[in-house]
């Protein structure tokens, strides 16, 4: 044990120590981790309760997607610049154009996510607050922004469960301020994705989208989620190119019945009709 340090008295009295919950060094230490984890459970719960949020429709999808208008305008502007650019600049501009053209495919899905979230929110607005289905996303840009925007356009609260990351992740402007959360722990964020979810919609996305989707399918497959939660994969061409679900079944990696854990949709209208029918049946609306 090192040399004991004495706290010098002030005006004859010993200086008060910080209360444990006010001591930032402790709260942010390894020993304070349990409290930090609990706070990421209790803090969102408090705000969901205050705002009568008991049911969510969760949207997953790429953070890199852009609206089709933004894509087309960007390509048009770059093509104009390329006409008068020198050889060195032309190469850079061409790369930017190629990148935007690659994102063209998902820009349609961005637009569709806005429309689907709007349709769900407008329909849900007819129910009492505690029975409504609120749009919930990871809170960032791309498809997450699109879904929150759809709720915003329908004048419905929009939930954003953000996560602190070194890139890509920042709150989109369509999240309701009182339902904008920032998480440190991925597993606590995932808990809140699932706990209130009454339906899941997975749009085209990358590792994050696949991570969330596969975890939810596994929870349903293993019976860890006992309540019915419809899972919709939006964009059948994308998902069937990405995964050969039938092959997984043929090889015995999953059971044939596991193919019924999810459905496909390719238009906002078809997706909405499927989700509406499922939610009405499941919740007796």
Protein backbone atom coordinates (compact mmCIF):
# COMPACT_ATOMS: atom_id res chain seq x y z
CA UNK A 1 0.00 0.00 0.00
CA UNK A 2 1.37 3.41 -0.95
CA UNK A 3 1.79 6.38 1.30
CA UNK A 4 -1.54 7.51 2.76
CA UNK A 5 -2.64 10.94 1.53
CA UNK A 6 -4.40 13.17 4.00
CA UNK A 7 -7.30 15.45 3.03
CA UNK A 8 -6.54 18.77 4.63
CA UNK A 9 -9.37 20.18 6.76
CA UNK A 10 -11.13 23.35 5.55
CA UNK A 11 -12.00 25.74 8.36
CA UNK A 12 -11.39 22.98 10.83
CA UNK A 13 -13.64 20.45 9.05
CA UNK A 14 -12.68 17.53 6.83
CA UNK A 15 -13.60 18.10 3.16
CA UNK A 16 -16.60 16.01 2.04
CA UNK A 17 -15.95 13.22 -0.46
CA UNK A 18 -18.04 12.93 -3.63
CA UNK A 19 -21.10 10.72 -3.48
CA UNK A 20 -20.45 7.57 -5.50
CA UNK A 21 -23.06 8.43 -8.15
CA UNK A 22 -21.50 11.87 -8.63
CA UNK A 23 -17.98 10.55 -8.98
CA UNK A 24 -17.30 10.46 -12.73
CA UNK A 25 -14.02 8.59 -12.29
CA UNK A 26 -15.92 5.77 -10.58
CA UNK A 27 -18.94 5.77 -12.91
CA UNK A 28 -16.67 5.55 -15.96
CA UNK A 29 -14.36 2.96 -14.44
CA UNK A 30 -14.42 -0.81 -14.90
CA UNK A 31 -16.13 -1.13 -11.51
CA UNK A 32 -18.89 1.24 -12.63
CA UNK A 33 -19.70 -0.76 -15.78
CA UNK A 34 -22.73 -2.50 -14.24
CA UNK A 35 -24.26 0.89 -13.44
CA UNK A 36 -23.62 2.11 -16.98
CA UNK A 37 -25.29 -0.98 -18.42
CA UNK A 38 -28.29 -0.55 -16.11
CA UNK A 39 -28.60 3.10 -17.11
CA UNK A 40 -28.94 2.05 -20.76
CA UNK A 41 -31.89 -0.09 -19.68
CA UNK A 42 -33.59 2.27 -17.22
CA UNK A 43 -33.10 5.58 -19.06
CA UNK A 44 -34.87 4.55 -22.32
CA UNK A 45 -37.53 2.71 -20.32
CA UNK A 46 -38.38 5.92 -18.47
CA UNK A 47 -38.83 7.90 -21.69
CA UNK A 48 -40.81 5.16 -23.43
CA UNK A 49 -43.13 5.04 -20.43
CA UNK A 50 -43.54 8.84 -20.33
CA UNK A 51 -44.39 8.91 -24.03
CA UNK A 52 -46.72 5.88 -23.97
CA UNK A 53 -44.52 3.88 -26.34
CA UNK A 54 -45.36 0.19 -25.96
CA UNK A 55 -45.29 -1.02 -29.58
CA UNK A 56 -42.72 -0.42 -32.30
CA UNK A 57 -42.18 -1.37 -35.92
CA UNK A 58 -38.42 -1.59 -36.33
CA UNK A 59 -36.70 -0.72 -39.61
CA UNK A 60 -33.18 -1.92 -40.40
CA UNK A 61 -31.15 -0.99 -43.49
CA UNK A 62 -28.02 0.57 -44.92
CA UNK A 63 -26.64 3.79 -43.44
CA UNK A 64 -25.18 4.63 -46.87
CA UNK A 65 -28.40 4.86 -48.88
CA UNK A 66 -29.52 8.21 -50.31
CA UNK A 67 -32.83 9.52 -51.69
CA UNK A 68 -33.22 9.02 -55.44
CA UNK A 69 -33.56 12.79 -56.04
CA UNK A 70 -30.25 13.39 -54.29
CA UNK A 71 -28.56 10.65 -56.31
CA UNK A 72 -29.87 11.92 -59.65
CA UNK A 73 -29.04 15.55 -58.84
CA UNK A 74 -25.56 14.57 -57.73
CA UNK A 75 -24.88 12.62 -60.92
CA UNK A 76 -26.24 15.46 -63.06
CA UNK A 77 -24.08 18.07 -61.30
CA UNK A 78 -20.95 15.93 -61.60
CA UNK A 79 -21.58 15.29 -65.30
CA UNK A 80 -21.76 19.05 -65.86
CA UNK A 81 -18.47 19.54 -64.00
CA UNK A 82 -16.82 16.80 -66.01
CA UNK A 83 -17.54 18.62 -69.27
CA UNK A 84 -15.16 21.47 -68.39
CA UNK A 85 -12.72 19.64 -66.11
CA UNK A 86 -9.06 18.88 -66.87
CA UNK A 87 -7.78 15.31 -67.25
CA UNK A 88 -6.75 14.96 -63.61
CA UNK A 89 -10.11 16.22 -62.33
CA UNK A 90 -12.09 14.09 -64.79
CA UNK A 91 -10.71 10.93 -63.20
CA UNK A 92 -11.79 12.01 -59.71
CA UNK A 93 -15.21 13.15 -60.91
CA UNK A 94 -15.75 9.87 -62.76
CA UNK A 95 -15.04 7.93 -59.57
CA UNK A 96 -17.63 10.00 -57.71
CA UNK A 97 -20.18 9.40 -60.45
CA UNK A 98 -19.50 5.65 -60.37
CA UNK A 99 -20.04 5.62 -56.61
CA UNK A 100 -23.38 7.40 -56.93
CA UNK A 101 -24.46 5.12 -59.75
CA UNK A 102 -23.69 2.14 -57.53
CA UNK A 103 -26.02 3.61 -54.89
CA UNK A 104 -28.81 4.10 -57.42
CA UNK A 105 -30.17 0.62 -56.65
CA UNK A 106 -30.73 1.36 -52.98
CA UNK A 107 -32.01 4.91 -53.59
CA UNK A 108 -35.33 3.41 -54.70
CA UNK A 109 -35.43 1.47 -51.47
CA UNK A 110 -34.76 4.69 -49.52
CA UNK A 111 -37.84 6.24 -51.15
CA UNK A 112 -39.86 3.10 -50.44
CA UNK A 113 -38.82 3.11 -46.78
CA UNK A 114 -40.13 6.66 -46.42
CA UNK A 115 -43.44 5.65 -47.98
CA UNK A 116 -43.85 2.44 -45.98
CA UNK A 117 -43.10 4.17 -42.67
CA UNK A 118 -45.56 6.92 -43.60
CA UNK A 119 -48.31 4.40 -44.40
CA UNK A 120 -47.79 2.51 -41.13
CA UNK A 121 -47.72 5.73 -39.09
CA UNK A 122 -50.83 7.24 -40.69
CA UNK A 123 -52.74 4.01 -40.10
CA UNK A 124 -51.45 3.75 -36.53
CA UNK A 125 -52.41 7.36 -35.73
CA UNK A 126 -56.04 6.22 -35.60
CA UNK A 127 -55.42 4.16 -32.45
CA UNK A 128 -55.16 5.31 -28.82
CA UNK A 129 -51.58 6.30 -27.91
CA UNK A 130 -50.73 3.10 -26.03
CA UNK A 131 -51.97 0.93 -28.90
CA UNK A 132 -50.08 2.76 -31.65
CA UNK A 133 -47.12 1.34 -33.56
CA UNK A 134 -44.19 3.74 -33.53
CA UNK A 135 -41.42 3.64 -36.12
CA UNK A 136 -38.10 2.75 -34.53
CA UNK A 137 -34.69 2.74 -36.23
CA UNK A 138 -31.00 2.72 -35.40
CA UNK A 139 -31.25 6.50 -35.60
CA UNK A 140 -28.55 7.12 -38.19
CA UNK A 141 -28.57 8.15 -41.87
CA UNK A 142 -29.64 6.15 -44.92
CA UNK A 143 -32.56 3.75 -44.52
CA UNK A 144 -32.84 4.70 -40.85
CA UNK A 145 -33.32 8.33 -41.80
CA UNK A 146 -35.84 7.30 -44.46
CA UNK A 147 -38.05 5.41 -41.99
CA UNK A 148 -37.91 8.18 -39.39
CA UNK A 149 -38.77 10.65 -42.15
CA UNK A 150 -41.85 8.64 -43.07
CA UNK A 151 -43.07 8.81 -39.46
CA UNK A 152 -42.30 12.53 -39.36
CA UNK A 153 -44.34 13.15 -42.53
CA UNK A 154 -47.27 11.37 -40.88
CA UNK A 155 -46.94 13.60 -37.82
CA UNK A 156 -46.06 10.62 -35.64
CA UNK A 157 -43.24 10.35 -33.06
CA UNK A 158 -40.11 8.65 -34.42
CA UNK A 159 -37.63 6.67 -32.31
CA UNK A 160 -33.87 6.60 -32.89
CA UNK A 161 -31.61 4.14 -31.03
CA UNK A 162 -28.20 5.52 -31.89
CA UNK A 163 -24.88 3.86 -31.12
CA UNK A 164 -21.55 5.61 -30.64
CA UNK A 165 -19.35 4.67 -33.61
CA UNK A 166 -16.23 6.25 -35.13
CA UNK A 167 -18.03 6.83 -38.45
CA UNK A 168 -21.45 6.90 -40.17
CA UNK A 169 -23.56 7.05 -37.03
CA UNK A 170 -25.15 10.36 -36.13
CA UNK A 171 -28.78 11.19 -35.25
CA UNK A 172 -30.88 11.97 -38.30
CA UNK A 173 -33.05 15.12 -38.17
CA UNK A 174 -36.39 13.25 -38.22
CA UNK A 175 -36.08 11.63 -34.79
CA UNK A 176 -38.35 13.04 -32.08
CA UNK A 177 -36.03 14.78 -29.55
CA UNK A 178 -37.64 13.03 -26.57
CA UNK A 179 -37.11 9.64 -28.25
CA UNK A 180 -33.51 10.15 -29.38
CA UNK A 181 -31.17 7.80 -27.50
CA UNK A 182 -27.41 7.26 -27.59
CA UNK A 183 -26.03 3.84 -26.63
CA UNK A 184 -22.54 2.66 -25.83
CA UNK A 185 -23.34 -1.05 -25.51
CA UNK A 186 -24.53 -2.84 -28.62
CA UNK A 187 -26.34 -5.52 -26.62
CA UNK A 188 -28.44 -2.95 -24.73
CA UNK A 189 -29.36 -1.27 -27.99
CA UNK A 190 -30.35 -4.66 -29.42
CA UNK A 191 -32.46 -5.34 -26.35
CA UNK A 192 -34.53 -2.23 -27.02
CA UNK A 193 -34.84 -3.10 -30.71
CA UNK A 194 -36.50 -6.38 -29.76
CA UNK A 195 -38.28 -5.70 -26.48
CA UNK A 196 -40.98 -3.39 -27.85
CA UNK A 197 -40.96 -4.68 -31.44
CA UNK A 198 -44.24 -5.89 -32.88
CA UNK A 199 -42.85 -6.18 -36.43
CA UNK A 200 -39.45 -5.99 -38.15
CA UNK A 201 -38.70 -4.62 -41.63
CA UNK A 202 -35.22 -5.28 -43.06
CA UNK A 203 -34.24 -3.19 -46.06
CA UNK A 204 -31.02 -3.82 -48.04
CA UNK A 205 -27.98 -3.18 -45.86
CA UNK A 206 -24.53 -4.30 -44.83
CA UNK A 207 -22.98 -6.04 -41.83
CA UNK A 208 -25.07 -4.15 -39.26
CA UNK A 209 -28.34 -4.99 -41.00
CA UNK A 210 -27.35 -8.65 -41.40
CA UNK A 211 -26.26 -8.81 -37.76
CA UNK A 212 -29.62 -7.53 -36.48
CA UNK A 213 -31.65 -9.64 -38.92
CA UNK A 214 -29.82 -12.91 -38.22
CA UNK A 215 -30.02 -12.38 -34.48
CA UNK A 216 -33.78 -11.84 -34.67
CA UNK A 217 -34.28 -14.87 -36.92
CA UNK A 218 -32.22 -16.95 -34.48
CA UNK A 219 -34.25 -15.72 -31.50
CA UNK A 220 -37.46 -16.66 -33.30
CA UNK A 221 -36.07 -19.98 -34.53
CA UNK A 222 -34.94 -21.03 -31.05
CA UNK A 223 -38.11 -19.85 -29.32
CA UNK A 224 -36.33 -17.19 -27.25
CA UNK A 225 -38.92 -14.80 -28.64
CA UNK A 226 -42.22 -16.46 -27.84
CA UNK A 227 -44.60 -13.77 -29.09
CA UNK A 228 -45.32 -13.54 -32.82
CA UNK A 229 -43.23 -10.89 -34.59
CA UNK A 230 -43.63 -10.72 -38.37
CA UNK A 231 -40.28 -10.22 -40.13
CA UNK A 232 -40.40 -8.64 -43.59
CA UNK A 233 -37.44 -8.62 -45.97
CA UNK A 234 -37.89 -5.72 -48.35
CA UNK A 235 -36.38 -6.13 -51.81
CA UNK A 236 -36.54 -9.82 -52.74
CA UNK A 237 -33.90 -9.46 -55.48
CA UNK A 238 -31.35 -8.14 -52.99
CA UNK A 239 -32.03 -10.73 -50.29
CA UNK A 240 -32.16 -13.70 -52.67
CA UNK A 241 -28.86 -12.63 -54.22
CA UNK A 242 -27.33 -12.23 -50.79
CA UNK A 243 -28.62 -15.46 -49.22
CA UNK A 244 -29.68 -18.75 -50.76
CA UNK A 245 -32.22 -19.60 -48.09
CA UNK A 246 -33.46 -22.69 -49.95
CA UNK A 247 -29.89 -24.02 -50.10
CA UNK A 248 -29.57 -23.65 -46.32
CA UNK A 249 -32.70 -25.76 -45.97
CA UNK A 250 -31.59 -28.34 -48.56
CA UNK A 251 -28.26 -28.77 -46.78
CA UNK A 252 -29.99 -29.27 -43.43
CA UNK A 253 -28.55 -26.09 -41.93
CA UNK A 254 -32.06 -24.86 -41.16
CA UNK A 255 -35.42 -26.64 -41.10
CA UNK A 256 -37.87 -26.18 -43.95
CA UNK A 257 -40.30 -24.55 -41.54
CA UNK A 258 -37.65 -21.88 -40.80
CA UNK A 259 -38.31 -20.45 -44.28
CA UNK A 260 -41.68 -19.32 -42.89
CA UNK A 261 -40.01 -17.09 -40.30
CA UNK A 262 -39.96 -14.22 -42.81
CA UNK A 263 -41.76 -12.84 -45.84
CA UNK A 264 -40.63 -10.82 -48.87
CA UNK A 265 -42.13 -7.60 -50.26
CA UNK A 266 -41.16 -5.36 -53.17
CA UNK A 267 -43.55 -2.42 -52.94
CA UNK A 268 -44.54 -0.21 -49.99
CA UNK A 269 -48.20 -1.05 -50.63
CA UNK A 270 -47.65 -4.83 -50.49
CA UNK A 271 -45.43 -4.49 -47.43
CA UNK A 272 -48.01 -2.32 -45.66
CA UNK A 273 -50.91 -4.67 -46.42
CA UNK A 274 -48.93 -7.64 -45.10
CA UNK A 275 -47.87 -5.87 -41.90
CA UNK A 276 -51.31 -4.38 -41.30
CA UNK A 277 -53.01 -7.78 -41.66
CA UNK A 278 -50.45 -9.42 -39.34
CA UNK A 279 -50.70 -6.73 -36.68
CA UNK A 280 -54.51 -6.74 -36.76
CA UNK A 281 -54.61 -10.52 -36.38
CA UNK A 282 -51.92 -10.76 -33.70
CA UNK A 283 -53.11 -7.85 -31.57
CA UNK A 284 -56.86 -8.19 -32.17
CA UNK A 285 -57.25 -4.67 -33.53
